[in-house]
Amino acid sequence: MGSKITRHEVGARMSQAVVHGDKVYLAGVVADSPAGSVEKQTQQVLRKIDKLLKQAGTDKSRILKANIWLTDMRSFDEMNKAWDAWASKGNTPARATVEARLVPGYHVEIMVEAAL
């Protein structure tokens, strides 16, 4: 048998976090509700990421890669304001940000992979 797989916040469709080997993979994280600005939604998403990483036994300083989806690239600076205040200084991950359609009302979705 291969190495152990641990899942956190398991649902019928997906798990919010999956630990395998020395990595944790988070599902795409969105705000709890579609209310609020891009900055406010991003702050909420980042708090949720902190919580999921803690459950898995790691933290934001160990993030290896981040994928960010925005509904409108004109909000890139607004999202970055929240990201820059949150990111672990000197430990920033590889990152990509693209424009995509999201569920109506949601402005940002973030998915990360981190080392344990």
PDB file of N, CA and C in Angstrom:
ATOM      1  N   MET A   1       0.837  -1.182   0.000  1.00  0.00           N
ATOM      2  CA  MET A   1       0.000   0.000   0.000  1.00  0.00           C
ATOM      3  C   MET A   1       0.880   1.242   0.000  1.00  0.00           C
ATOM      4  N   GLY A   2       0.403   2.311  -0.605  1.00  0.00           N
ATOM      5  CA  GLY A   2       1.155   3.564  -0.657  1.00  0.00           C
ATOM      6  C   GLY A   2       1.122   4.291   0.671  1.00  0.00           C
ATOM      7  N   SER A   3       1.666   5.505   0.674  1.00  0.00           N
ATOM      8  CA  SER A   3       1.703   6.286   1.906  1.00  0.00           C
ATOM      9  C   SER A   3       0.307   6.747   2.304  1.00  0.00           C
ATOM     10  N   LYS A   4       0.152   7.044   3.575  1.00  0.00           N
ATOM     11  CA  LYS A   4      -1.132   7.413   4.172  1.00  0.00           C
ATOM     12  C   LYS A   4      -1.685   8.705   3.569  1.00  0.00           C
ATOM     13  N   ILE A   5      -3.009   8.750   3.418  1.00  0.00           N
ATOM     14  CA  ILE A   5      -3.723   9.949   2.976  1.00  0.00           C
ATOM     15  C   ILE A   5      -4.701  10.328   4.082  1.00  0.00           C
ATOM     16  N   THR A   6      -4.646  11.588   4.512  1.00  0.00           N
ATOM     17  CA  THR A   6      -5.558  12.103   5.530  1.00  0.00           C
ATOM     18  C   THR A   6      -6.374  13.231   4.910  1.00  0.00           C
ATOM     19  N   ARG A   7      -7.673  13.194   5.129  1.00  0.00           N
ATOM     20  CA  ARG A   7      -8.571  14.211   4.572  1.00  0.00           C
ATOM     21  C   ARG A   7      -9.216  15.008   5.710  1.00  0.00           C
ATOM     22  N   HIS A   8      -9.355  16.327   5.493  1.00  0.00           N
ATOM     23  CA  HIS A   8      -9.967  17.218   6.475  1.00  0.00           C
ATOM     24  C   HIS A   8     -11.208  17.866   5.859  1.00  0.00           C
ATOM     25  N   GLU A   9     -12.226  18.033   6.698  1.00  0.00           N
ATOM     26  CA  GLU A   9     -13.490  18.639   6.272  1.00  0.00           C
ATOM     27  C   GLU A   9     -13.995  17.963   4.997  1.00  0.00           C
ATOM     28  N   VAL A  10     -14.233  16.672   5.136  1.00  0.00           N
ATOM     29  CA  VAL A  10     -14.655  15.824   4.020  1.00  0.00           C
ATOM     30  C   VAL A  10     -16.139  16.045   3.727  1.00  0.00           C
ATOM     31  N   GLY A  11     -16.441  16.274   2.470  1.00  0.00           N
ATOM     32  CA  GLY A  11     -17.820  16.417   2.031  1.00  0.00           C
ATOM     33  C   GLY A  11     -18.141  15.390   0.962  1.00  0.00           C
ATOM     34  N   ALA A  12     -19.364  15.399   0.492  1.00  0.00           N
ATOM     35  CA  ALA A  12     -19.793  14.450  -0.544  1.00  0.00           C
ATOM     36  C   ALA A  12     -19.066  14.685  -1.859  1.00  0.00           C
ATOM     37  N   ARG A  13     -18.712  15.943  -2.131  1.00  0.00           N
ATOM     38  CA  ARG A  13     -18.103  16.301  -3.410  1.00  0.00           C
ATOM     39  C   ARG A  13     -16.591  16.445  -3.333  1.00  0.00           C
ATOM     40  N   MET A  14     -16.099  16.922  -2.189  1.00  0.00           N
ATOM     41  CA  MET A  14     -14.658  17.167  -2.070  1.00  0.00           C
ATOM     42  C   MET A  14     -14.266  17.298  -0.608  1.00  0.00           C
ATOM     43  N   SER A  15     -12.967  17.174  -0.371  1.00  0.00           N
ATOM     44  CA  SER A  15     -12.387  17.460   0.935  1.00  0.00           C
ATOM     45  C   SER A  15     -11.758  18.842   0.854  1.00  0.00           C
ATOM     46  N   GLN A  16     -11.813  19.587   1.942  1.00  0.00           N
ATOM     47  CA  GLN A  16     -11.224  20.920   1.939  1.00  0.00           C
ATOM     48  C   GLN A  16      -9.709  20.877   1.991  1.00  0.00           C
ATOM     49  N   ALA A  17      -9.153  19.800   2.577  1.00  0.00           N
ATOM     50  CA  ALA A  17      -7.703  19.638   2.635  1.00  0.00           C
ATOM     51  C   ALA A  17      -7.375  18.151   2.577  1.00  0.00           C
ATOM     52  N   VAL A  18      -6.310  17.828   1.851  1.00  0.00           N
ATOM     53  CA  VAL A  18      -5.836  16.447   1.751  1.00  0.00           C
ATOM     54  C   VAL A  18      -4.341  16.445   2.031  1.00  0.00           C
ATOM     55  N   VAL A  19      -3.939  15.613   2.986  1.00  0.00           N
ATOM     56  CA  VAL A  19      -2.525  15.475   3.338  1.00  0.00           C
ATOM     57  C   VAL A  19      -2.030  14.154   2.780  1.00  0.00           C
ATOM     58  N   HIS A  20      -0.922  14.232   2.038  1.00  0.00           N
ATOM     59  CA  HIS A  20      -0.288  13.037   1.485  1.00  0.00           C
ATOM     60  C   HIS A  20       1.213  13.256   1.514  1.00  0.00           C
ATOM     61  N   GLY A  21       1.915  12.299   2.096  1.00  0.00           N
ATOM     62  CA  GLY A  21       3.357  12.468   2.214  1.00  0.00           C
ATOM     63  C   GLY A  21       3.673  13.682   3.059  1.00  0.00           C
ATOM     64  N   ASP A  22       4.504  14.565   2.520  1.00  0.00           N
ATOM     65  CA  ASP A  22       4.906  15.756   3.260  1.00  0.00           C
ATOM     66  C   ASP A  22       4.242  17.023   2.737  1.00  0.00           C
ATOM     67  N   LYS A  23       3.066  16.862   2.084  1.00  0.00           N
ATOM     68  CA  LYS A  23       2.357  18.022   1.528  1.00  0.00           C
ATOM     69  C   LYS A  23       0.888  18.017   1.911  1.00  0.00           C
ATOM     70  N   VAL A  24       0.322  19.220   1.929  1.00  0.00           N
ATOM     71  CA  VAL A  24      -1.115  19.387   2.097  1.00  0.00           C
ATOM     72  C   VAL A  24      -1.623  20.149   0.888  1.00  0.00           C
ATOM     73  N   TYR A  25      -2.733  19.675   0.348  1.00  0.00           N
ATOM     74  CA  TYR A  25      -3.366  20.276  -0.822  1.00  0.00           C
ATOM     75  C   TYR A  25      -4.728  20.804  -0.389  1.00  0.00           C
ATOM     76  N   LEU A  26      -4.958  22.092  -0.573  1.00  0.00           N
ATOM     77  CA  LEU A  26      -6.257  22.666  -0.241  1.00  0.00           C
ATOM     78  C   LEU A  26      -7.120  22.756  -1.487  1.00  0.00           C
ATOM     79  N   ALA A  27      -8.415  22.566  -1.290  1.00  0.00           N
ATOM     80  CA  ALA A  27      -9.382  22.823  -2.354  1.00  0.00           C
ATOM     81  C   ALA A  27      -9.421  24.334  -2.576  1.00  0.00           C
ATOM     82  N   GLY A  28     -10.035  24.767  -3.658  1.00  0.00           N
ATOM     83  CA  GLY A  28     -10.229  26.196  -3.859  1.00  0.00           C
ATOM     84  C   GLY A  28     -11.074  26.751  -2.721  1.00  0.00           C
ATOM     85  N   VAL A  29     -10.621  27.854  -2.134  1.00  0.00           N
ATOM     86  CA  VAL A  29     -11.301  28.444  -0.980  1.00  0.00           C
ATOM     87  C   VAL A  29     -11.947  29.754  -1.398  1.00  0.00           C
ATOM     88  N   VAL A  30     -13.226  29.905  -1.063  1.00  0.00           N
ATOM     89  CA  VAL A  30     -13.963  31.141  -1.306  1.00  0.00           C
ATOM     90  C   VAL A  30     -14.475  31.677   0.022  1.00  0.00           C
ATOM     91  N   ALA A  31     -14.960  32.909   0.004  1.00  0.00           N
ATOM     92  CA  ALA A  31     -15.530  33.522   1.201  1.00  0.00           C
ATOM     93  C   ALA A  31     -16.779  32.749   1.629  1.00  0.00           C
ATOM     94  N   ASP A  32     -17.215  32.955   2.863  1.00  0.00           N
ATOM     95  CA  ASP A  32     -18.404  32.261   3.362  1.00  0.00           C
ATOM     96  C   ASP A  32     -19.686  32.698   2.666  1.00  0.00           C
ATOM     97  N   SER A  33     -19.703  33.933   2.202  1.00  0.00           N
ATOM     98  CA  SER A  33     -20.877  34.423   1.477  1.00  0.00           C
ATOM     99  C   SER A  33     -20.409  35.365   0.373  1.00  0.00           C
ATOM    100  N   PRO A  34     -21.255  35.576  -0.633  1.00  0.00           N
ATOM    101  CA  PRO A  34     -20.847  36.431  -1.755  1.00  0.00           C
ATOM    102  C   PRO A  34     -20.966  37.927  -1.473  1.00  0.00           C
ATOM    103  N   ALA A  35     -21.025  38.311  -0.221  1.00  0.00           N
ATOM    104  CA  ALA A  35     -21.114  39.730   0.124  1.00  0.00           C
ATOM    105  C   ALA A  35     -19.713  40.297   0.345  1.00  0.00           C
ATOM    106  N   GLY A  36     -19.556  41.566   0.075  1.00  0.00           N
ATOM    107  CA  GLY A  36     -18.298  42.235   0.390  1.00  0.00           C
ATOM    108  C   GLY A  36     -17.416  42.477  -0.812  1.00  0.00           C
ATOM    109  N   SER A  37     -16.451  43.351  -0.598  1.00  0.00           N
ATOM    110  CA  SER A  37     -15.504  43.745  -1.639  1.00  0.00           C
ATOM    111  C   SER A  37     -14.498  42.622  -1.892  1.00  0.00           C
ATOM    112  N   VAL A  38     -13.705  42.775  -2.933  1.00  0.00           N
ATOM    113  CA  VAL A  38     -12.640  41.819  -3.229  1.00  0.00           C
ATOM    114  C   VAL A  38     -11.677  41.744  -2.044  1.00  0.00           C
ATOM    115  N   GLU A  39     -11.307  42.885  -1.483  1.00  0.00           N
ATOM    116  CA  GLU A  39     -10.390  42.882  -0.348  1.00  0.00           C
ATOM    117  C   GLU A  39     -10.974  42.126   0.837  1.00  0.00           C
ATOM    118  N   LYS A  40     -12.231  42.379   1.175  1.00  0.00           N
ATOM    119  CA  LYS A  40     -12.877  41.716   2.315  1.00  0.00           C
ATOM    120  C   LYS A  40     -13.005  40.217   2.055  1.00  0.00           C
ATOM    121  N   GLN A  41     -13.410  39.833   0.842  1.00  0.00           N
ATOM    122  CA  GLN A  41     -13.511  38.415   0.518  1.00  0.00           C
ATOM    123  C   GLN A  41     -12.136  37.752   0.600  1.00  0.00           C
ATOM    124  N   THR A  42     -11.106  38.430   0.104  1.00  0.00           N
ATOM    125  CA  THR A  42      -9.752  37.868   0.145  1.00  0.00           C
ATOM    126  C   THR A  42      -9.301  37.682   1.593  1.00  0.00           C
ATOM    127  N   GLN A  43      -9.559  38.657   2.451  1.00  0.00           N
ATOM    128  CA  GLN A  43      -9.190  38.527   3.863  1.00  0.00           C
ATOM    129  C   GLN A  43      -9.865  37.308   4.490  1.00  0.00           C
ATOM    130  N   GLN A  44     -11.136  37.114   4.170  1.00  0.00           N
ATOM    131  CA  GLN A  44     -11.871  35.977   4.718  1.00  0.00           C
ATOM    132  C   GLN A  44     -11.303  34.658   4.184  1.00  0.00           C
ATOM    133  N   VAL A  45     -11.003  34.614   2.896  1.00  0.00           N
ATOM    134  CA  VAL A  45     -10.412  33.416   2.302  1.00  0.00           C
ATOM    135  C   VAL A  45      -9.080  33.092   2.976  1.00  0.00           C
ATOM    136  N   LEU A  46      -8.261  34.088   3.197  1.00  0.00           N
ATOM    137  CA  LEU A  46      -6.946  33.867   3.808  1.00  0.00           C
ATOM    138  C   LEU A  46      -7.067  33.372   5.249  1.00  0.00           C
ATOM    139  N   ARG A  47      -8.058  33.850   5.986  1.00  0.00           N
ATOM    140  CA  ARG A  47      -8.299  33.338   7.337  1.00  0.00           C
ATOM    141  C   ARG A  47      -8.700  31.858   7.279  1.00  0.00           C
ATOM    142  N   LYS A  48      -9.517  31.506   6.300  1.00  0.00           N
ATOM    143  CA  LYS A  48      -9.924  30.109   6.139  1.00  0.00           C
ATOM    144  C   LYS A  48      -8.725  29.236   5.759  1.00  0.00           C
ATOM    145  N   ILE A  49      -7.849  29.758   4.924  1.00  0.00           N
ATOM    146  CA  ILE A  49      -6.631  29.026   4.556  1.00  0.00           C
ATOM    147  C   ILE A  49      -5.775  28.793   5.796  1.00  0.00           C
ATOM    148  N   ASP A  50      -5.602  29.819   6.626  1.00  0.00           N
ATOM    149  CA  ASP A  50      -4.841  29.661   7.875  1.00  0.00           C
ATOM    150  C   ASP A  50      -5.423  28.522   8.715  1.00  0.00           C
ATOM    151  N   LYS A  51      -6.744  28.484   8.848  1.00  0.00           N
ATOM    152  CA  LYS A  51      -7.416  27.462   9.655  1.00  0.00           C
ATOM    153  C   LYS A  51      -7.184  26.067   9.077  1.00  0.00           C
ATOM    154  N   LEU A  52      -7.345  25.915   7.777  1.00  0.00           N
ATOM    155  CA  LEU A  52      -7.144  24.613   7.139  1.00  0.00           C
ATOM    156  C   LEU A  52      -5.702  24.142   7.245  1.00  0.00           C
ATOM    157  N   LEU A  53      -4.765  25.058   7.049  1.00  0.00           N
ATOM    158  CA  LEU A  53      -3.354  24.685   7.173  1.00  0.00           C
ATOM    159  C   LEU A  53      -3.032  24.252   8.601  1.00  0.00           C
ATOM    160  N   LYS A  54      -3.587  24.940   9.584  1.00  0.00           N
ATOM    161  CA  LYS A  54      -3.357  24.575  10.987  1.00  0.00           C
ATOM    162  C   LYS A  54      -3.907  23.182  11.263  1.00  0.00           C
ATOM    163  N   GLN A  55      -5.107  22.881  10.767  1.00  0.00           N
ATOM    164  CA  GLN A  55      -5.697  21.547  10.946  1.00  0.00           C
ATOM    165  C   GLN A  55      -4.782  20.470  10.375  1.00  0.00           C
ATOM    166  N   ALA A  56      -4.098  20.786   9.292  1.00  0.00           N
ATOM    167  CA  ALA A  56      -3.225  19.820   8.623  1.00  0.00           C
ATOM    168  C   ALA A  56      -1.845  19.748   9.265  1.00  0.00           C
ATOM    169  N   GLY A  57      -1.531  20.674  10.170  1.00  0.00           N
ATOM    170  CA  GLY A  57      -0.254  20.642  10.862  1.00  0.00           C
ATOM    171  C   GLY A  57       0.829  21.513  10.247  1.00  0.00           C
ATOM    172  N   THR A  58       0.427  22.576   9.547  1.00  0.00           N
ATOM    173  CA  THR A  58       1.405  23.474   8.938  1.00  0.00           C
ATOM    174  C   THR A  58       0.884  24.908   9.007  1.00  0.00           C
ATOM    175  N   ASP A  59       1.529  25.826   8.301  1.00  0.00           N
ATOM    176  CA  ASP A  59       1.082  27.220   8.306  1.00  0.00           C
ATOM    177  C   ASP A  59       1.485  27.919   7.010  1.00  0.00           C
ATOM    178  N   LYS A  60       1.095  29.178   6.896  1.00  0.00           N
ATOM    179  CA  LYS A  60       1.301  29.930   5.651  1.00  0.00           C
ATOM    180  C   LYS A  60       2.765  30.109   5.281  1.00  0.00           C
ATOM    181  N   SER A  61       3.682  30.011   6.241  1.00  0.00           N
ATOM    182  CA  SER A  61       5.103  30.151   5.917  1.00  0.00           C
ATOM    183  C   SER A  61       5.620  28.961   5.115  1.00  0.00           C
ATOM    184  N   ARG A  62       4.824  27.888   5.035  1.00  0.00           N
ATOM    185  CA  ARG A  62       5.218  26.663   4.342  1.00  0.00           C
ATOM    186  C   ARG A  62       4.487  26.477   3.011  1.00  0.00           C
ATOM    187  N   ILE A  63       3.717  27.514   2.585  1.00  0.00           N
ATOM    188  CA  ILE A  63       3.013  27.410   1.301  1.00  0.00           C
ATOM    189  C   ILE A  63       4.031  27.389   0.170  1.00  0.00           C
ATOM    190  N   LEU A  64       3.876  26.416  -0.707  1.00  0.00           N
ATOM    191  CA  LEU A  64       4.767  26.262  -1.856  1.00  0.00           C
ATOM    192  C   LEU A  64       4.214  26.941  -3.099  1.00  0.00           C
ATOM    193  N   LYS A  65       2.899  26.847  -3.280  1.00  0.00           N
ATOM    194  CA  LYS A  65       2.279  27.319  -4.511  1.00  0.00           C
ATOM    195  C   LYS A  65       0.879  27.830  -4.221  1.00  0.00           C
ATOM    196  N   ALA A  66       0.495  28.918  -4.889  1.00  0.00           N
ATOM    197  CA  ALA A  66      -0.857  29.456  -4.764  1.00  0.00           C
ATOM    198  C   ALA A  66      -1.409  29.756  -6.145  1.00  0.00           C
ATOM    199  N   ASN A  67      -2.648  29.355  -6.362  1.00  0.00           N
ATOM    200  CA  ASN A  67      -3.381  29.725  -7.578  1.00  0.00           C
ATOM    201  C   ASN A  67      -4.530  30.616  -7.140  1.00  0.00           C
ATOM    202  N   ILE A  68      -4.664  31.753  -7.794  1.00  0.00           N
ATOM    203  CA  ILE A  68      -5.700  32.723  -7.433  1.00  0.00           C
ATOM    204  C   ILE A  68      -6.544  33.007  -8.668  1.00  0.00           C
ATOM    205  N   TRP A  69      -7.866  32.943  -8.473  1.00  0.00           N
ATOM    206  CA  TRP A  69      -8.800  33.279  -9.544  1.00  0.00           C
ATOM    207  C   TRP A  69      -9.579  34.517  -9.115  1.00  0.00           C
ATOM    208  N   LEU A  70      -9.634  35.501  -9.999  1.00  0.00           N
ATOM    209  CA  LEU A  70     -10.402  36.730  -9.785  1.00  0.00           C
ATOM    210  C   LEU A  70     -11.452  36.846 -10.883  1.00  0.00           C
ATOM    211  N   THR A  71     -12.610  37.365 -10.540  1.00  0.00           N
ATOM    212  CA  THR A  71     -13.630  37.557 -11.573  1.00  0.00           C
ATOM    213  C   THR A  71     -13.310  38.738 -12.477  1.00  0.00           C
ATOM    214  N   ASP A  72     -12.434  39.626 -12.003  1.00  0.00           N
ATOM    215  CA  ASP A  72     -12.085  40.807 -12.793  1.00  0.00           C
ATOM    216  C   ASP A  72     -10.647  41.215 -12.450  1.00  0.00           C
ATOM    217  N   MET A  73      -9.753  41.157 -13.421  1.00  0.00           N
ATOM    218  CA  MET A  73      -8.349  41.487 -13.161  1.00  0.00           C
ATOM    219  C   MET A  73      -8.154  42.943 -12.746  1.00  0.00           C
ATOM    220  N   ARG A  74      -9.158  43.781 -12.956  1.00  0.00           N
ATOM    221  CA  ARG A  74      -9.053  45.159 -12.482  1.00  0.00           C
ATOM    222  C   ARG A  74      -9.035  45.218 -10.954  1.00  0.00           C
ATOM    223  N   SER A  75      -9.404  44.115 -10.291  1.00  0.00           N
ATOM    224  CA  SER A  75      -9.375  44.071  -8.821  1.00  0.00           C
ATOM    225  C   SER A  75      -8.075  43.449  -8.290  1.00  0.00           C
ATOM    226  N   PHE A  76      -7.088  43.253  -9.174  1.00  0.00           N
ATOM    227  CA  PHE A  76      -5.811  42.646  -8.808  1.00  0.00           C
ATOM    228  C   PHE A  76      -5.142  43.390  -7.652  1.00  0.00           C
ATOM    229  N   ASP A  77      -5.079  44.720  -7.717  1.00  0.00           N
ATOM    230  CA  ASP A  77      -4.432  45.500  -6.651  1.00  0.00           C
ATOM    231  C   ASP A  77      -5.187  45.384  -5.331  1.00  0.00           C
ATOM    232  N   GLU A  78      -6.508  45.344  -5.409  1.00  0.00           N
ATOM    233  CA  GLU A  78      -7.330  45.218  -4.198  1.00  0.00           C
ATOM    234  C   GLU A  78      -7.086  43.854  -3.525  1.00  0.00           C
ATOM    235  N   MET A  79      -7.033  42.797  -4.314  1.00  0.00           N
ATOM    236  CA  MET A  79      -6.736  41.470  -3.778  1.00  0.00           C
ATOM    237  C   MET A  79      -5.332  41.457  -3.186  1.00  0.00           C
ATOM    238  N   ASN A  80      -4.370  42.042  -3.904  1.00  0.00           N
ATOM    239  CA  ASN A  80      -2.982  42.053  -3.434  1.00  0.00           C
ATOM    240  C   ASN A  80      -2.815  42.824  -2.126  1.00  0.00           C
ATOM    241  N   LYS A  81      -3.646  43.820  -1.887  1.00  0.00           N
ATOM    242  CA  LYS A  81      -3.568  44.565  -0.626  1.00  0.00           C
ATOM    243  C   LYS A  81      -3.783  43.608   0.545  1.00  0.00           C
ATOM    244  N   ALA A  82      -4.794  42.754   0.442  1.00  0.00           N
ATOM    245  CA  ALA A  82      -5.057  41.772   1.498  1.00  0.00           C
ATOM    246  C   ALA A  82      -3.967  40.708   1.521  1.00  0.00           C
ATOM    247  N   TRP A  83      -3.567  40.217   0.348  1.00  0.00           N
ATOM    248  CA  TRP A  83      -2.532  39.176   0.261  1.00  0.00           C
ATOM    249  C   TRP A  83      -1.224  39.659   0.880  1.00  0.00           C
ATOM    250  N   ASP A  84      -0.784  40.864   0.503  1.00  0.00           N
ATOM    251  CA  ASP A  84       0.501  41.378   0.977  1.00  0.00           C
ATOM    252  C   ASP A  84       0.521  41.563   2.493  1.00  0.00           C
ATOM    253  N   ALA A  85      -0.610  41.955   3.072  1.00  0.00           N
ATOM    254  CA  ALA A  85      -0.689  42.125   4.528  1.00  0.00           C
ATOM    255  C   ALA A  85      -0.639  40.767   5.238  1.00  0.00           C
ATOM    256  N   TRP A  86      -1.069  39.713   4.547  1.00  0.00           N
ATOM    257  CA  TRP A  86      -1.164  38.378   5.133  1.00  0.00           C
ATOM    258  C   TRP A  86       0.068  37.503   4.891  1.00  0.00           C
ATOM    259  N   ALA A  87       0.666  37.599   3.731  1.00  0.00           N
ATOM    260  CA  ALA A  87       1.729  36.680   3.318  1.00  0.00           C
ATOM    261  C   ALA A  87       2.899  36.684   4.295  1.00  0.00           C
ATOM    262  N   SER A  88       3.512  35.520   4.460  1.00  0.00           N
ATOM    263  CA  SER A  88       4.665  35.365   5.344  1.00  0.00           C
ATOM    264  C   SER A  88       5.890  35.988   4.677  1.00  0.00           C
ATOM    265  N   LYS A  89       6.362  37.073   5.238  1.00  0.00           N
ATOM    266  CA  LYS A  89       7.497  37.803   4.656  1.00  0.00           C
ATOM    267  C   LYS A  89       8.713  36.893   4.514  1.00  0.00           C
ATOM    268  N   GLY A  90       9.312  36.892   3.336  1.00  0.00           N
ATOM    269  CA  GLY A  90      10.469  36.061   3.059  1.00  0.00           C
ATOM    270  C   GLY A  90      10.132  34.625   2.718  1.00  0.00           C
ATOM    271  N   ASN A  91       8.843  34.261   2.791  1.00  0.00           N
ATOM    272  CA  ASN A  91       8.404  32.896   2.505  1.00  0.00           C
ATOM    273  C   ASN A  91       7.285  32.867   1.471  1.00  0.00           C
ATOM    274  N   THR A  92       7.268  33.854   0.594  1.00  0.00           N
ATOM    275  CA  THR A  92       6.175  33.910  -0.372  1.00  0.00           C
ATOM    276  C   THR A  92       6.273  32.739  -1.358  1.00  0.00           C
ATOM    277  N   PRO A  93       5.115  32.172  -1.722  1.00  0.00           N
ATOM    278  CA  PRO A  93       5.105  31.006  -2.597  1.00  0.00           C
ATOM    279  C   PRO A  93       5.190  31.379  -4.069  1.00  0.00           C
ATOM    280  N   ALA A  94       5.400  30.372  -4.895  1.00  0.00           N
ATOM    281  CA  ALA A  94       5.180  30.546  -6.331  1.00  0.00           C
ATOM    282  C   ALA A  94       3.682  30.824  -6.464  1.00  0.00           C
ATOM    283  N   ARG A  95       3.297  31.702  -7.400  1.00  0.00           N
ATOM    284  CA  ARG A  95       1.896  32.114  -7.449  1.00  0.00           C
ATOM    285  C   ARG A  95       1.479  32.463  -8.864  1.00  0.00           C
ATOM    286  N   ALA A  96       0.235  32.158  -9.194  1.00  0.00           N
ATOM    287  CA  ALA A  96      -0.363  32.565 -10.461  1.00  0.00           C
ATOM    288  C   ALA A  96      -1.729  33.161 -10.163  1.00  0.00           C
ATOM    289  N   THR A  97      -2.090  34.211 -10.884  1.00  0.00           N
ATOM    290  CA  THR A  97      -3.398  34.840 -10.734  1.00  0.00           C
ATOM    291  C   THR A  97      -4.005  34.996 -12.115  1.00  0.00           C
ATOM    292  N   VAL A  98      -5.231  34.523 -12.269  1.00  0.00           N
ATOM    293  CA  VAL A  98      -5.914  34.610 -13.553  1.00  0.00           C
ATOM    294  C   VAL A  98      -7.351  35.079 -13.356  1.00  0.00           C
ATOM    295  N   GLU A  99      -7.927  35.572 -14.427  1.00  0.00           N
ATOM    296  CA  GLU A  99      -9.325  35.970 -14.410  1.00  0.00           C
ATOM    297  C   GLU A  99     -10.175  34.778 -14.813  1.00  0.00           C
ATOM    298  N   ALA A 100     -11.265  34.562 -14.077  1.00  0.00           N
ATOM    299  CA  ALA A 100     -12.147  33.432 -14.362  1.00  0.00           C
ATOM    300  C   ALA A 100     -13.563  33.742 -13.892  1.00  0.00           C
ATOM    301  N   ARG A 101     -14.508  33.045 -14.464  1.00  0.00           N
ATOM    302  CA  ARG A 101     -15.874  33.136 -13.966  1.00  0.00           C
ATOM    303  C   ARG A 101     -15.968  32.311 -12.689  1.00  0.00           C
ATOM    304  N   LEU A 102     -16.548  32.895 -11.668  1.00  0.00           N
ATOM    305  CA  LEU A 102     -16.800  32.192 -10.409  1.00  0.00           C
ATOM    306  C   LEU A 102     -18.300  32.204 -10.159  1.00  0.00           C
ATOM    307  N   VAL A 103     -18.724  31.512  -9.133  1.00  0.00           N
ATOM    308  CA  VAL A 103     -20.133  31.543  -8.757  1.00  0.00           C
ATOM    309  C   VAL A 103     -20.529  33.007  -8.562  1.00  0.00           C
ATOM    310  N   PRO A 104     -21.673  33.427  -9.090  1.00  0.00           N
ATOM    311  CA  PRO A 104     -22.065  34.838  -8.989  1.00  0.00           C
ATOM    312  C   PRO A 104     -21.958  35.397  -7.567  1.00  0.00           C
ATOM    313  N   GLY A 105     -21.352  36.575  -7.468  1.00  0.00           N
ATOM    314  CA  GLY A 105     -21.166  37.255  -6.195  1.00  0.00           C
ATOM    315  C   GLY A 105     -19.811  37.020  -5.567  1.00  0.00           C
ATOM    316  N   TYR A 106     -19.189  35.912  -5.891  1.00  0.00           N
ATOM    317  CA  TYR A 106     -17.857  35.630  -5.367  1.00  0.00           C
ATOM    318  C   TYR A 106     -16.835  36.267  -6.294  1.00  0.00           C
ATOM    319  N   HIS A 107     -15.862  36.968  -5.712  1.00  0.00           N
ATOM    320  CA  HIS A 107     -14.886  37.717  -6.502  1.00  0.00           C
ATOM    321  C   HIS A 107     -13.511  37.059  -6.565  1.00  0.00           C
ATOM    322  N   VAL A 108     -13.238  36.174  -5.593  1.00  0.00           N
ATOM    323  CA  VAL A 108     -11.896  35.581  -5.500  1.00  0.00           C
ATOM    324  C   VAL A 108     -11.987  34.147  -4.984  1.00  0.00           C
ATOM    325  N   GLU A 109     -11.122  33.298  -5.528  1.00  0.00           N
ATOM    326  CA  GLU A 109     -10.958  31.926  -5.043  1.00  0.00           C
ATOM    327  C   GLU A 109      -9.460  31.645  -5.012  1.00  0.00           C
ATOM    328  N   ILE A 110      -8.999  31.000  -3.940  1.00  0.00           N
ATOM    329  CA  ILE A 110      -7.563  30.734  -3.796  1.00  0.00           C
ATOM    330  C   ILE A 110      -7.370  29.260  -3.437  1.00  0.00           C
ATOM    331  N   MET A 111      -6.402  28.648  -4.090  1.00  0.00           N
ATOM    332  CA  MET A 111      -6.037  27.260  -3.824  1.00  0.00           C
ATOM    333  C   MET A 111      -4.546  27.219  -3.545  1.00  0.00           C
ATOM    334  N   VAL A 112      -4.135  26.530  -2.468  1.00  0.00           N
ATOM    335  CA  VAL A 112      -2.712  26.461  -2.137  1.00  0.00           C
ATOM    336  C   VAL A 112      -2.272  25.016  -1.899  1.00  0.00           C
ATOM    337  N   GLU A 113      -0.971  24.816  -2.046  1.00  0.00           N
ATOM    338  CA  GLU A 113      -0.289  23.584  -1.666  1.00  0.00           C
ATOM    339  C   GLU A 113       0.821  24.005  -0.703  1.00  0.00           C
ATOM    340  N   ALA A 114       0.986  23.234   0.376  1.00  0.00           N
ATOM    341  CA  ALA A 114       1.992  23.589   1.374  1.00  0.00           C
ATOM    342  C   ALA A 114       2.750  22.352   1.842  1.00  0.00           C
ATOM    343  N   ALA A 115       3.963  22.584   2.301  1.00  0.00           N
ATOM    344  CA  ALA A 115       4.753  21.523   2.914  1.00  0.00           C
ATOM    345  C   ALA A 115       4.347  21.395   4.370  1.00  0.00           C
ATOM    346  N   LEU A 116       4.498  20.200   4.908  1.00  0.00           N
ATOM    347  CA  LEU A 116       4.213  19.996   6.335  1.00  0.00           C
ATOM    348  C   LEU A 116       5.423  20.388   7.153  1.00  0.00           C
TER     349      LEU A 116
END
